[in-house]
Each structure stands twice: as C-alpha cells, then as structure tokens.
C-alpha cells in the first residue's frame, strides 16, 4: 500500500464475492469502477467468502456423491428443498460458472461423474483465487478459520475435503486461537462505544436495521466480555469487524447499508455501490431505449 495519490481500495465481502461470482454485467460494472488500481482484502474477508460460499459448494459436492442421487438435476432438487437463503444462492451461482459451460446433461447419470470431477477442480481453483487474486492486509482479529488449509488431491479428494470442513467447522478450536475479544474490547473499544452511542440516536427503518442489529450485539459484547465473542457472534457483526479492520488510508468498497453508519464515526473512507439488481435493470432500460 503505497503513499501515492492513486486511490486504493479495500473490498467488503459483498464486493469481493460479486467480482468473482456475479453476472457478467455486474462484474464488468465493478471492474470499470476500479480500473487497474490495487484491490485489498483481509484474511477475515477470505473467511467470510469461505463460510458463505466455499463450504456450501463442498457440501453440495457431497450431496452429489450420494448413492441415492443419480443425476446433477437430482442433487440440485434435493439441495433446493433442503436449503434456503445463502446455501441455495451458492449453488445457483456455481451452476452457470461451472456446469452450463461444459454442456452437461442434468438428467444423465453418466454426467454425474463428470460433474463431480469438475466440482473438485473448481473448489481447488476458487480457493486458490481468493488467496492469490487480492493483496492481503493485516487482520487484527487473527482469524484462524481464515487460514485453515485446503490442499486437495484431485485423484482422491474426499479425505482432504472432509478434513477442511471439519477443521473449518471446529469453531471452538478456531476461537481459542483468534483475538476477536482483544480486537473489540481493547484495540477498538472506544470506536465500539462510539458506534453504540450513534445507534442509540437512530430510528429503526429499512436503512438502519442492519447497523442497529450490529450495535445491539456490540453492546452485549461490552456487557458480557470476552466469553460473548465466538464465531457465531462474529458472523452477526461481520460488517463492523471489516469496517474497523480496514486500513484508514484505503477506501472501503461495499454494497451494504450498514457501512453508511459504521464508517463515518470511525473516519473510515467508504463508497457504496448500487446492487447487482439495480445495475442490471438500469442496463436493460438503457438497451431498450436504444433499440
């Protein structure tokens, strides 16, 4: 991170994930905003991508491996019935990324084995991309889930995938190694107190809801202390962890409303991008007007 006049950027999880997984139109839009400027993340942001996306893709791999699942279509149907929200979104994102371009037949038992092989390669490459594509800033939380290794033997991937899922999911061990309590209760305690105070003066509405929920959890952490800091709690306050963790000489790039309230009090430069839906719809309107 040089001291040049070039604007340097720190990516929130939402923007990093969009650059990797969004529609082509939205990826192109974001890339046009950044040009060739450096894009930084932290280990904590890496962890959030692994938790919200990579773990779900690995889980889907094991669903597809089930003896009772004969086709890709069966695996997708089971997954759709079993999971909602982010779990379903992960699979909807991987399908066009992987299967559609390979012309796999979702109804063919023969193509199930091809899909399993492709999924393993995809998992390995995706993990490599999130470690190498973006320069890494210091992570003052020392998130140990972020650095759980994933090395895959493509000829025998199951043991390696199971090992990664087990270690990543061992939140008790991971928590014993991280410093989220020191991060919130010592290093950034005054900022946490300041954010709680800001929240106390805001009305609850669509825009403030996310920030107010974060402030409520922060307040509980201050009252209870270090024992309130676990991986589940950390997941609920991820935006504030990212905001506090962002170097103040970088601009935090995001799509979430919560950062509009998190960043100004701590003097963190930030910019909110329109959602994928907004950008895609606007492009559609422009194209219609030009026809």
C-alpha atoms as a PDB file:
ATOM      1  CA  UNK A   1       0.000   0.000   0.000  1.00  0.00           C
ATOM      2  CA  UNK A   2       1.989   2.934  -1.273  1.00  0.00           C
ATOM      3  CA  UNK A   3       1.653   6.553  -0.336  1.00  0.00           C
ATOM      4  CA  UNK A   4       0.823   7.562  -3.923  1.00  0.00           C
ATOM      5  CA  UNK A   5      -2.175   9.643  -4.914  1.00  0.00           C
ATOM      6  CA  UNK A   6      -3.819   6.638  -6.616  1.00  0.00           C
ATOM      7  CA  UNK A   7      -6.990   5.636  -4.766  1.00  0.00           C
ATOM      8  CA  UNK A   8      -6.506   2.212  -3.225  1.00  0.00           C
ATOM      9  CA  UNK A   9      -9.395   0.013  -2.252  1.00  0.00           C
ATOM     10  CA  UNK A  10     -10.363  -2.468   0.451  1.00  0.00           C
ATOM     11  CA  UNK A  11     -13.150  -4.831  -0.543  1.00  0.00           C
ATOM     12  CA  UNK A  12     -16.017  -5.823   1.680  1.00  0.00           C
ATOM     13  CA  UNK A  13     -17.174  -9.435   1.288  1.00  0.00           C
ATOM     14  CA  UNK A  14     -20.152  -8.377  -0.852  1.00  0.00           C
ATOM     15  CA  UNK A  15     -17.992  -6.626  -3.457  1.00  0.00           C
ATOM     16  CA  UNK A  16     -15.289  -9.301  -3.498  1.00  0.00           C
ATOM     17  CA  UNK A  17     -17.914 -12.020  -3.962  1.00  0.00           C
ATOM     18  CA  UNK A  18     -19.581 -10.024  -6.740  1.00  0.00           C
ATOM     19  CA  UNK A  19     -16.284  -9.610  -8.594  1.00  0.00           C
ATOM     20  CA  UNK A  20     -15.914 -13.395  -8.542  1.00  0.00           C
ATOM     21  CA  UNK A  21     -19.469 -14.673  -8.875  1.00  0.00           C
ATOM     22  CA  UNK A  22     -21.944 -12.033 -10.073  1.00  0.00           C
ATOM     23  CA  UNK A  23     -23.475 -11.707 -13.519  1.00  0.00           C
ATOM     24  CA  UNK A  24     -21.123 -10.675 -16.294  1.00  0.00           C
ATOM     25  CA  UNK A  25     -22.796  -7.260 -16.498  1.00  0.00           C
ATOM     26  CA  UNK A  26     -22.281  -6.534 -12.795  1.00  0.00           C
ATOM     27  CA  UNK A  27     -18.705  -7.810 -12.795  1.00  0.00           C
ATOM     28  CA  UNK A  28     -17.901  -5.556 -15.730  1.00  0.00           C
ATOM     29  CA  UNK A  29     -19.530  -2.619 -13.962  1.00  0.00           C
ATOM     30  CA  UNK A  30     -17.453  -3.126 -10.804  1.00  0.00           C
ATOM     31  CA  UNK A  31     -14.247  -3.722 -12.738  1.00  0.00           C
ATOM     32  CA  UNK A  32     -14.828  -0.458 -14.608  1.00  0.00           C
ATOM     33  CA  UNK A  33     -15.023   1.368 -11.275  1.00  0.00           C
ATOM     34  CA  UNK A  34     -11.662   0.049 -10.094  1.00  0.00           C
ATOM     35  CA  UNK A  35      -9.665   0.133 -13.335  1.00  0.00           C
ATOM     36  CA  UNK A  36      -6.143  -1.157 -12.600  1.00  0.00           C
ATOM     37  CA  UNK A  37      -5.996   0.142  -9.042  1.00  0.00           C
ATOM     38  CA  UNK A  38      -5.000  -2.282  -6.246  1.00  0.00           C
ATOM     39  CA  UNK A  39      -7.818  -4.194  -4.530  1.00  0.00           C
ATOM     40  CA  UNK A  40      -7.067  -5.305  -0.977  1.00  0.00           C
ATOM     41  CA  UNK A  41      -8.845  -7.696   1.360  1.00  0.00           C
ATOM     42  CA  UNK A  42      -8.044  -9.287   4.725  1.00  0.00           C
ATOM     43  CA  UNK A  43      -7.962 -12.847   5.991  1.00  0.00           C
ATOM     44  CA  UNK A  44     -11.265 -12.113   7.714  1.00  0.00           C
ATOM     45  CA  UNK A  45     -12.915 -11.296   4.365  1.00  0.00           C
ATOM     46  CA  UNK A  46     -11.420 -14.513   2.971  1.00  0.00           C
ATOM     47  CA  UNK A  47     -13.014 -16.400   5.849  1.00  0.00           C
ATOM     48  CA  UNK A  48     -16.425 -14.898   5.108  1.00  0.00           C
ATOM     49  CA  UNK A  49     -16.184 -15.989   1.460  1.00  0.00           C
ATOM     50  CA  UNK A  50     -15.221 -19.496   2.553  1.00  0.00           C
ATOM     51  CA  UNK A  51     -18.032 -19.638   5.121  1.00  0.00           C
ATOM     52  CA  UNK A  52     -20.769 -18.242   2.882  1.00  0.00           C
ATOM     53  CA  UNK A  53     -19.763 -19.823  -0.424  1.00  0.00           C
ATOM     54  CA  UNK A  54     -16.948 -22.371  -0.474  1.00  0.00           C
ATOM     55  CA  UNK A  55     -18.285 -24.505   2.377  1.00  0.00           C
ATOM     56  CA  UNK A  56     -21.666 -24.673   0.623  1.00  0.00           C
ATOM     57  CA  UNK A  57     -20.067 -25.784  -2.647  1.00  0.00           C
ATOM     58  CA  UNK A  58     -18.178 -28.532  -0.815  1.00  0.00           C
ATOM     59  CA  UNK A  59     -21.404 -29.603   0.891  1.00  0.00           C
ATOM     60  CA  UNK A  60     -23.107 -29.765  -2.494  1.00  0.00           C
ATOM     61  CA  UNK A  61     -20.253 -31.970  -3.742  1.00  0.00           C
ATOM     62  CA  UNK A  62     -21.039 -34.489  -1.022  1.00  0.00           C
ATOM     63  CA  UNK A  63     -24.750 -34.339  -1.839  1.00  0.00           C
ATOM     64  CA  UNK A  64     -23.918 -35.086  -5.481  1.00  0.00           C
ATOM     65  CA  UNK A  65     -21.789 -38.043  -4.347  1.00  0.00           C
ATOM     66  CA  UNK A  66     -24.699 -39.724  -2.560  1.00  0.00           C
ATOM     67  CA  UNK A  67     -25.540 -43.183  -3.958  1.00  0.00           C
ATOM     68  CA  UNK A  68     -29.225 -42.275  -3.983  1.00  0.00           C
ATOM     69  CA  UNK A  69     -28.528 -39.265  -6.201  1.00  0.00           C
ATOM     70  CA  UNK A  70     -28.290 -40.365  -9.825  1.00  0.00           C
ATOM     71  CA  UNK A  71     -28.041 -37.065 -11.688  1.00  0.00           C
ATOM     72  CA  UNK A  72     -26.972 -33.449 -11.311  1.00  0.00           C
ATOM     73  CA  UNK A  73     -30.633 -32.474 -11.507  1.00  0.00           C
ATOM     74  CA  UNK A  74     -31.491 -34.746  -8.573  1.00  0.00           C
ATOM     75  CA  UNK A  75     -28.739 -33.143  -6.476  1.00  0.00           C
ATOM     76  CA  UNK A  76     -29.969 -29.639  -7.288  1.00  0.00           C
ATOM     77  CA  UNK A  77     -33.570 -30.626  -6.498  1.00  0.00           C
ATOM     78  CA  UNK A  78     -32.596 -32.103  -3.128  1.00  0.00           C
ATOM     79  CA  UNK A  79     -30.447 -29.099  -2.287  1.00  0.00           C
ATOM     80  CA  UNK A  80     -33.223 -26.676  -3.247  1.00  0.00           C
ATOM     81  CA  UNK A  81     -35.716 -28.467  -0.992  1.00  0.00           C
ATOM     82  CA  UNK A  82     -33.291 -28.759   1.914  1.00  0.00           C
ATOM     83  CA  UNK A  83     -31.619 -25.373   1.949  1.00  0.00           C
ATOM     84  CA  UNK A  84     -32.689 -21.753   1.596  1.00  0.00           C
ATOM     85  CA  UNK A  85     -31.030 -18.348   1.543  1.00  0.00           C
ATOM     86  CA  UNK A  86     -27.265 -18.239   1.200  1.00  0.00           C
ATOM     87  CA  UNK A  87     -26.928 -22.013   0.783  1.00  0.00           C
ATOM     88  CA  UNK A  88     -29.260 -22.002  -2.213  1.00  0.00           C
ATOM     89  CA  UNK A  89     -27.652 -18.845  -3.614  1.00  0.00           C
ATOM     90  CA  UNK A  90     -24.221 -20.502  -3.587  1.00  0.00           C
ATOM     91  CA  UNK A  91     -25.384 -23.352  -5.793  1.00  0.00           C
ATOM     92  CA  UNK A  92     -27.300 -21.048  -8.125  1.00  0.00           C
ATOM     93  CA  UNK A  93     -24.052 -19.136  -8.593  1.00  0.00           C
ATOM     94  CA  UNK A  94     -21.863 -22.174  -9.230  1.00  0.00           C
ATOM     95  CA  UNK A  95     -24.163 -23.740 -11.853  1.00  0.00           C
ATOM     96  CA  UNK A  96     -23.579 -21.146 -14.598  1.00  0.00           C
ATOM     97  CA  UNK A  97     -19.946 -20.810 -13.545  1.00  0.00           C
ATOM     98  CA  UNK A  98     -19.286 -24.494 -13.993  1.00  0.00           C
ATOM     99  CA  UNK A  99     -21.894 -26.824 -15.422  1.00  0.00           C
ATOM    100  CA  UNK A 100     -23.589 -24.786 -18.155  1.00  0.00           C
ATOM    101  CA  UNK A 101     -20.347 -24.010 -19.969  1.00  0.00           C
ATOM    102  CA  UNK A 102     -19.472 -27.725 -20.033  1.00  0.00           C
ATOM    103  CA  UNK A 103     -22.763 -28.728 -21.682  1.00  0.00           C
ATOM    104  CA  UNK A 104     -23.512 -31.298 -19.000  1.00  0.00           C
ATOM    105  CA  UNK A 105     -26.820 -33.117 -19.129  1.00  0.00           C
ATOM    106  CA  UNK A 106     -28.530 -32.576 -15.782  1.00  0.00           C
ATOM    107  CA  UNK A 107     -30.644 -35.711 -16.369  1.00  0.00           C
ATOM    108  CA  UNK A 108     -27.791 -38.032 -17.314  1.00  0.00           C
ATOM    109  CA  UNK A 109     -26.305 -40.429 -14.717  1.00  0.00           C
ATOM    110  CA  UNK A 110     -23.129 -40.542 -16.822  1.00  0.00           C
ATOM    111  CA  UNK A 111     -22.619 -36.802 -16.434  1.00  0.00           C
ATOM    112  CA  UNK A 112     -22.788 -37.045 -12.636  1.00  0.00           C
ATOM    113  CA  UNK A 113     -19.186 -38.319 -12.516  1.00  0.00           C
ATOM    114  CA  UNK A 114     -18.041 -35.556 -14.854  1.00  0.00           C
ATOM    115  CA  UNK A 115     -19.729 -33.009 -12.602  1.00  0.00           C
ATOM    116  CA  UNK A 116     -18.002 -34.403  -9.502  1.00  0.00           C
ATOM    117  CA  UNK A 117     -14.596 -34.080 -11.163  1.00  0.00           C
ATOM    118  CA  UNK A 118     -15.345 -30.560 -12.356  1.00  0.00           C
ATOM    119  CA  UNK A 119     -16.569 -29.525  -8.907  1.00  0.00           C
ATOM    120  CA  UNK A 120     -13.350 -30.658  -7.223  1.00  0.00           C
ATOM    121  CA  UNK A 121     -11.239 -28.735  -9.738  1.00  0.00           C
ATOM    122  CA  UNK A 122     -13.471 -25.695  -9.282  1.00  0.00           C
ATOM    123  CA  UNK A 123     -13.209 -25.850  -5.477  1.00  0.00           C
ATOM    124  CA  UNK A 124      -9.430 -26.076  -5.654  1.00  0.00           C
ATOM    125  CA  UNK A 125      -9.144 -23.190  -8.137  1.00  0.00           C
ATOM    126  CA  UNK A 126     -11.620 -20.973  -6.312  1.00  0.00           C
ATOM    127  CA  UNK A 127      -9.774 -21.363  -3.010  1.00  0.00           C
ATOM    128  CA  UNK A 128      -6.532 -20.511  -4.793  1.00  0.00           C
ATOM    129  CA  UNK A 129      -8.080 -17.411  -6.396  1.00  0.00           C
ATOM    130  CA  UNK A 130      -9.357 -15.966  -3.115  1.00  0.00           C
ATOM    131  CA  UNK A 131      -5.899 -16.411  -1.607  1.00  0.00           C
ATOM    132  CA  UNK A 132      -3.903 -15.000  -4.515  1.00  0.00           C
ATOM    133  CA  UNK A 133      -6.045 -12.617  -6.565  1.00  0.00           C
ATOM    134  CA  UNK A 134      -6.261  -9.848  -3.965  1.00  0.00           C
ATOM    135  CA  UNK A 135      -3.376  -8.495  -1.832  1.00  0.00           C
ATOM    136  CA  UNK A 136      -3.895  -9.159   1.866  1.00  0.00           C
ATOM    137  CA  UNK A 137      -3.895  -6.527   4.601  1.00  0.00           C
ATOM    138  CA  UNK A 138      -3.182  -7.219   8.242  1.00  0.00           C
ATOM    139  CA  UNK A 139      -6.053  -8.944  10.011  1.00  0.00           C
ATOM    140  CA  UNK A 140      -6.053  -7.697  13.603  1.00  0.00           C
ATOM    141  CA  UNK A 141      -8.668 -10.300  14.575  1.00  0.00           C
ATOM    142  CA  UNK A 142      -6.110 -13.027  13.754  1.00  0.00           C
ATOM    143  CA  UNK A 143      -8.980 -15.109  12.378  1.00  0.00           C
ATOM    144  CA  UNK A 144      -7.786 -18.715  12.491  1.00  0.00           C
ATOM    145  CA  UNK A 145     -10.732 -20.052  10.453  1.00  0.00           C
ATOM    146  CA  UNK A 146      -9.388 -17.982   7.571  1.00  0.00           C
ATOM    147  CA  UNK A 147      -6.104 -19.855   7.480  1.00  0.00           C
ATOM    148  CA  UNK A 148      -7.437 -23.423   7.750  1.00  0.00           C
ATOM    149  CA  UNK A 149      -5.557 -25.063   4.860  1.00  0.00           C
ATOM    150  CA  UNK A 150      -7.277 -26.705   1.904  1.00  0.00           C
ATOM    151  CA  UNK A 151      -4.996 -28.937  -0.138  1.00  0.00           C
ATOM    152  CA  UNK A 152      -6.814 -31.307  -2.484  1.00  0.00           C
ATOM    153  CA  UNK A 153      -5.536 -34.491  -4.077  1.00  0.00           C
ATOM    154  CA  UNK A 154      -7.599 -34.475  -7.276  1.00  0.00           C
ATOM    155  CA  UNK A 155      -7.318 -38.261  -7.559  1.00  0.00           C
ATOM    156  CA  UNK A 156      -8.666 -38.788  -4.035  1.00  0.00           C
ATOM    157  CA  UNK A 157     -10.323 -35.554  -2.904  1.00  0.00           C
ATOM    158  CA  UNK A 158     -12.775 -36.831  -0.278  1.00  0.00           C
ATOM    159  CA  UNK A 159     -10.369 -37.089   2.713  1.00  0.00           C
ATOM    160  CA  UNK A 160      -8.955 -33.607   2.051  1.00  0.00           C
ATOM    161  CA  UNK A 161     -12.395 -32.025   1.670  1.00  0.00           C
ATOM    162  CA  UNK A 162     -13.690 -33.717   4.824  1.00  0.00           C
ATOM    163  CA  UNK A 163     -10.610 -32.577   6.745  1.00  0.00           C
ATOM    164  CA  UNK A 164     -11.109 -28.973   5.648  1.00  0.00           C
ATOM    165  CA  UNK A 165     -14.824 -28.946   6.515  1.00  0.00           C
ATOM    166  CA  UNK A 166     -14.099 -30.494   9.926  1.00  0.00           C
ATOM    167  CA  UNK A 167     -11.332 -28.039  10.801  1.00  0.00           C
ATOM    168  CA  UNK A 168     -13.184 -25.005   9.440  1.00  0.00           C
ATOM    169  CA  UNK A 169     -16.254 -26.039  11.400  1.00  0.00           C
ATOM    170  CA  UNK A 170     -14.301 -26.556  14.630  1.00  0.00           C
ATOM    171  CA  UNK A 171     -15.169 -23.097  15.895  1.00  0.00           C
ATOM    172  CA  UNK A 172     -14.092 -23.885  19.462  1.00  0.00           C
ATOM    173  CA  UNK A 173     -10.505 -24.544  18.391  1.00  0.00           C
ATOM    174  CA  UNK A 174     -10.512 -21.655  15.928  1.00  0.00           C
ATOM    175  CA  UNK A 175     -11.842 -19.259  18.565  1.00  0.00           C
ATOM    176  CA  UNK A 176      -9.114 -20.322  21.001  1.00  0.00           C
ATOM    177  CA  UNK A 177      -6.519 -19.065  18.515  1.00  0.00           C
ATOM    178  CA  UNK A 178      -8.088 -15.780  17.348  1.00  0.00           C
ATOM    179  CA  UNK A 179      -8.052 -12.367  19.020  1.00  0.00           C
ATOM    180  CA  UNK A 180     -11.537 -11.050  18.319  1.00  0.00           C
ATOM    181  CA  UNK A 181     -12.046 -10.271  22.013  1.00  0.00           C
ATOM    182  CA  UNK A 182      -8.908  -8.117  22.151  1.00  0.00           C
ATOM    183  CA  UNK A 183      -9.892  -6.560  18.801  1.00  0.00           C
ATOM    184  CA  UNK A 184     -13.305  -5.407  20.090  1.00  0.00           C
ATOM    185  CA  UNK A 185     -12.722  -4.938  23.820  1.00  0.00           C
ATOM    186  CA  UNK A 186      -9.248  -3.394  23.791  1.00  0.00           C
ATOM    187  CA  UNK A 187      -7.859  -2.250  20.429  1.00  0.00           C
ATOM    188  CA  UNK A 188     -11.105  -0.707  19.121  1.00  0.00           C
ATOM    189  CA  UNK A 189     -13.102  -0.381  22.337  1.00  0.00           C
ATOM    190  CA  UNK A 190     -13.559   3.390  22.042  1.00  0.00           C
ATOM    191  CA  UNK A 191     -14.786   3.020  18.454  1.00  0.00           C
ATOM    192  CA  UNK A 192     -17.211   0.271  19.541  1.00  0.00           C
ATOM    193  CA  UNK A 193     -18.578   2.510  22.300  1.00  0.00           C
ATOM    194  CA  UNK A 194     -18.896   5.364  19.810  1.00  0.00           C
ATOM    195  CA  UNK A 195     -20.884   3.205  17.366  1.00  0.00           C
ATOM    196  CA  UNK A 196     -23.235   2.063  20.130  1.00  0.00           C
ATOM    197  CA  UNK A 197     -23.843   5.710  21.020  1.00  0.00           C
ATOM    198  CA  UNK A 198     -24.561   6.602  17.386  1.00  0.00           C
ATOM    199  CA  UNK A 199     -27.029   3.700  17.164  1.00  0.00           C
ATOM    200  CA  UNK A 200     -28.892   4.874  20.257  1.00  0.00           C
ATOM    201  CA  UNK A 201     -29.860   8.076  18.443  1.00  0.00           C
ATOM    202  CA  UNK A 202     -31.135   6.471  15.223  1.00  0.00           C
ATOM    203  CA  UNK A 203     -34.671   5.393  14.347  1.00  0.00           C
ATOM    204  CA  UNK A 204     -35.199   1.806  13.190  1.00  0.00           C
ATOM    205  CA  UNK A 205     -36.042   1.584   9.499  1.00  0.00           C
ATOM    206  CA  UNK A 206     -35.026  -0.355   6.413  1.00  0.00           C
ATOM    207  CA  UNK A 207     -31.752   1.534   6.051  1.00  0.00           C
ATOM    208  CA  UNK A 208     -30.667   1.448   9.701  1.00  0.00           C
ATOM    209  CA  UNK A 209     -31.858  -2.058  10.656  1.00  0.00           C
ATOM    210  CA  UNK A 210     -28.579  -3.842   9.866  1.00  0.00           C
ATOM    211  CA  UNK A 211     -26.476  -1.289  11.721  1.00  0.00           C
ATOM    212  CA  UNK A 212     -28.784  -1.291  14.747  1.00  0.00           C
ATOM    213  CA  UNK A 213     -28.643  -5.089  14.963  1.00  0.00           C
ATOM    214  CA  UNK A 214     -24.855  -4.935  14.902  1.00  0.00           C
ATOM    215  CA  UNK A 215     -24.846  -2.263  17.626  1.00  0.00           C
ATOM    216  CA  UNK A 216     -27.119  -4.412  19.780  1.00  0.00           C
ATOM    217  CA  UNK A 217     -24.650  -7.300  19.548  1.00  0.00           C
ATOM    218  CA  UNK A 218     -21.729  -4.970  20.272  1.00  0.00           C
ATOM    219  CA  UNK A 219     -23.499  -3.713  23.376  1.00  0.00           C
ATOM    220  CA  UNK A 220     -23.927  -7.273  24.611  1.00  0.00           C
ATOM    221  CA  UNK A 221     -20.239  -7.983  23.996  1.00  0.00           C
ATOM    222  CA  UNK A 222     -19.238  -4.955  26.092  1.00  0.00           C
ATOM    223  CA  UNK A 223     -21.502  -6.120  28.921  1.00  0.00           C
ATOM    224  CA  UNK A 224     -20.614  -9.828  28.882  1.00  0.00           C
ATOM    225  CA  UNK A 225     -16.980  -9.546  27.861  1.00  0.00           C
ATOM    226  CA  UNK A 226     -14.700 -11.999  26.069  1.00  0.00           C
ATOM    227  CA  UNK A 227     -16.992 -15.004  26.562  1.00  0.00           C
ATOM    228  CA  UNK A 228     -19.551 -13.339  24.260  1.00  0.00           C
ATOM    229  CA  UNK A 229     -17.014 -13.357  21.438  1.00  0.00           C
ATOM    230  CA  UNK A 230     -17.435 -16.579  19.484  1.00  0.00           C
ATOM    231  CA  UNK A 231     -17.596 -17.454  15.772  1.00  0.00           C
ATOM    232  CA  UNK A 232     -21.397 -17.300  15.720  1.00  0.00           C
ATOM    233  CA  UNK A 233     -21.383 -13.828  17.248  1.00  0.00           C
ATOM    234  CA  UNK A 234     -18.590 -12.786  14.903  1.00  0.00           C
ATOM    235  CA  UNK A 235     -20.770 -13.777  11.956  1.00  0.00           C
ATOM    236  CA  UNK A 236     -23.526 -11.424  13.179  1.00  0.00           C
ATOM    237  CA  UNK A 237     -21.180  -8.444  13.441  1.00  0.00           C
ATOM    238  CA  UNK A 238     -19.044  -9.123  10.368  1.00  0.00           C
ATOM    239  CA  UNK A 239     -19.614  -5.676   8.877  1.00  0.00           C
ATOM    240  CA  UNK A 240     -18.254  -3.835  11.893  1.00  0.00           C
ATOM    241  CA  UNK A 241     -15.258  -6.185  12.075  1.00  0.00           C
ATOM    242  CA  UNK A 242     -14.498  -5.393   8.431  1.00  0.00           C
ATOM    243  CA  UNK A 243     -15.008  -1.654   8.920  1.00  0.00           C
ATOM    244  CA  UNK A 244     -12.700  -1.494  11.945  1.00  0.00           C
ATOM    245  CA  UNK A 245     -10.161  -3.768  10.268  1.00  0.00           C
ATOM    246  CA  UNK A 246      -9.908  -1.692   7.092  1.00  0.00           C
ATOM    247  CA  UNK A 247      -6.768   0.478   6.949  1.00  0.00           C
ATOM    248  CA  UNK A 248      -7.858   4.111   7.185  1.00  0.00           C
ATOM    249  CA  UNK A 249      -5.753   5.045   4.141  1.00  0.00           C
ATOM    250  CA  UNK A 250      -7.848   2.701   1.960  1.00  0.00           C
ATOM    251  CA  UNK A 251     -11.411   3.228   0.778  1.00  0.00           C
ATOM    252  CA  UNK A 252     -13.818   0.508   1.890  1.00  0.00           C
ATOM    253  CA  UNK A 253     -15.896  -0.654  -1.091  1.00  0.00           C
ATOM    254  CA  UNK A 254     -19.289  -2.152  -0.216  1.00  0.00           C
ATOM    255  CA  UNK A 255     -22.941  -2.603  -1.175  1.00  0.00           C
ATOM    256  CA  UNK A 256     -24.468  -2.848   2.321  1.00  0.00           C
ATOM    257  CA  UNK A 257     -26.346  -0.016   4.055  1.00  0.00           C
ATOM    258  CA  UNK A 258     -24.738  -0.768   7.425  1.00  0.00           C
ATOM    259  CA  UNK A 259     -21.395   0.695   6.340  1.00  0.00           C
ATOM    260  CA  UNK A 260     -23.062   4.066   5.744  1.00  0.00           C
ATOM    261  CA  UNK A 261     -23.447   4.230   9.538  1.00  0.00           C
ATOM    262  CA  UNK A 262     -20.350   2.267  10.570  1.00  0.00           C
ATOM    263  CA  UNK A 263     -17.744   4.202   8.600  1.00  0.00           C
ATOM    264  CA  UNK A 264     -18.308   7.942   9.264  1.00  0.00           C
ATOM    265  CA  UNK A 265     -17.941   7.775  13.091  1.00  0.00           C
ATOM    266  CA  UNK A 266     -14.617   5.939  12.820  1.00  0.00           C
ATOM    267  CA  UNK A 267     -13.462   8.191   9.942  1.00  0.00           C
ATOM    268  CA  UNK A 268     -13.175   5.299   7.508  1.00  0.00           C
ATOM    269  CA  UNK A 269     -13.410   6.364   3.837  1.00  0.00           C
ATOM    270  CA  UNK A 270     -16.020   4.259   2.082  1.00  0.00           C
ATOM    271  CA  UNK A 271     -18.184   4.010  -1.021  1.00  0.00           C
ATOM    272  CA  UNK A 272     -21.469   2.144  -1.554  1.00  0.00           C
ATOM    273  CA  UNK A 273     -22.154   0.662  -4.970  1.00  0.00           C
ATOM    274  CA  UNK A 274     -25.632   0.014  -6.359  1.00  0.00           C
ATOM    275  CA  UNK A 275     -26.852  -3.549  -6.054  1.00  0.00           C
ATOM    276  CA  UNK A 276     -26.477  -6.081  -8.846  1.00  0.00           C
ATOM    277  CA  UNK A 277     -30.204  -5.896  -9.491  1.00  0.00           C
ATOM    278  CA  UNK A 278     -30.097  -2.109  -9.857  1.00  0.00           C
ATOM    279  CA  UNK A 279     -27.183  -2.179 -12.296  1.00  0.00           C
ATOM    280  CA  UNK A 280     -28.588  -4.984 -14.444  1.00  0.00           C
ATOM    281  CA  UNK A 281     -32.053  -3.416 -14.572  1.00  0.00           C
ATOM    282  CA  UNK A 282     -30.624   0.001 -15.478  1.00  0.00           C
ATOM    283  CA  UNK A 283     -28.580  -1.540 -18.292  1.00  0.00           C
ATOM    284  CA  UNK A 284     -31.715  -3.285 -19.573  1.00  0.00           C
ATOM    285  CA  UNK A 285     -33.617   0.017 -19.597  1.00  0.00           C
ATOM    286  CA  UNK A 286     -30.777   1.752 -21.449  1.00  0.00           C
ATOM    287  CA  UNK A 287     -30.668  -1.030 -24.046  1.00  0.00           C
ATOM    288  CA  UNK A 288     -34.434  -0.845 -24.551  1.00  0.00           C
ATOM    289  CA  UNK A 289     -34.266   2.920 -25.079  1.00  0.00           C
ATOM    290  CA  UNK A 290     -31.526   2.495 -27.653  1.00  0.00           C
ATOM    291  CA  UNK A 291     -33.450  -0.118 -29.665  1.00  0.00           C
END
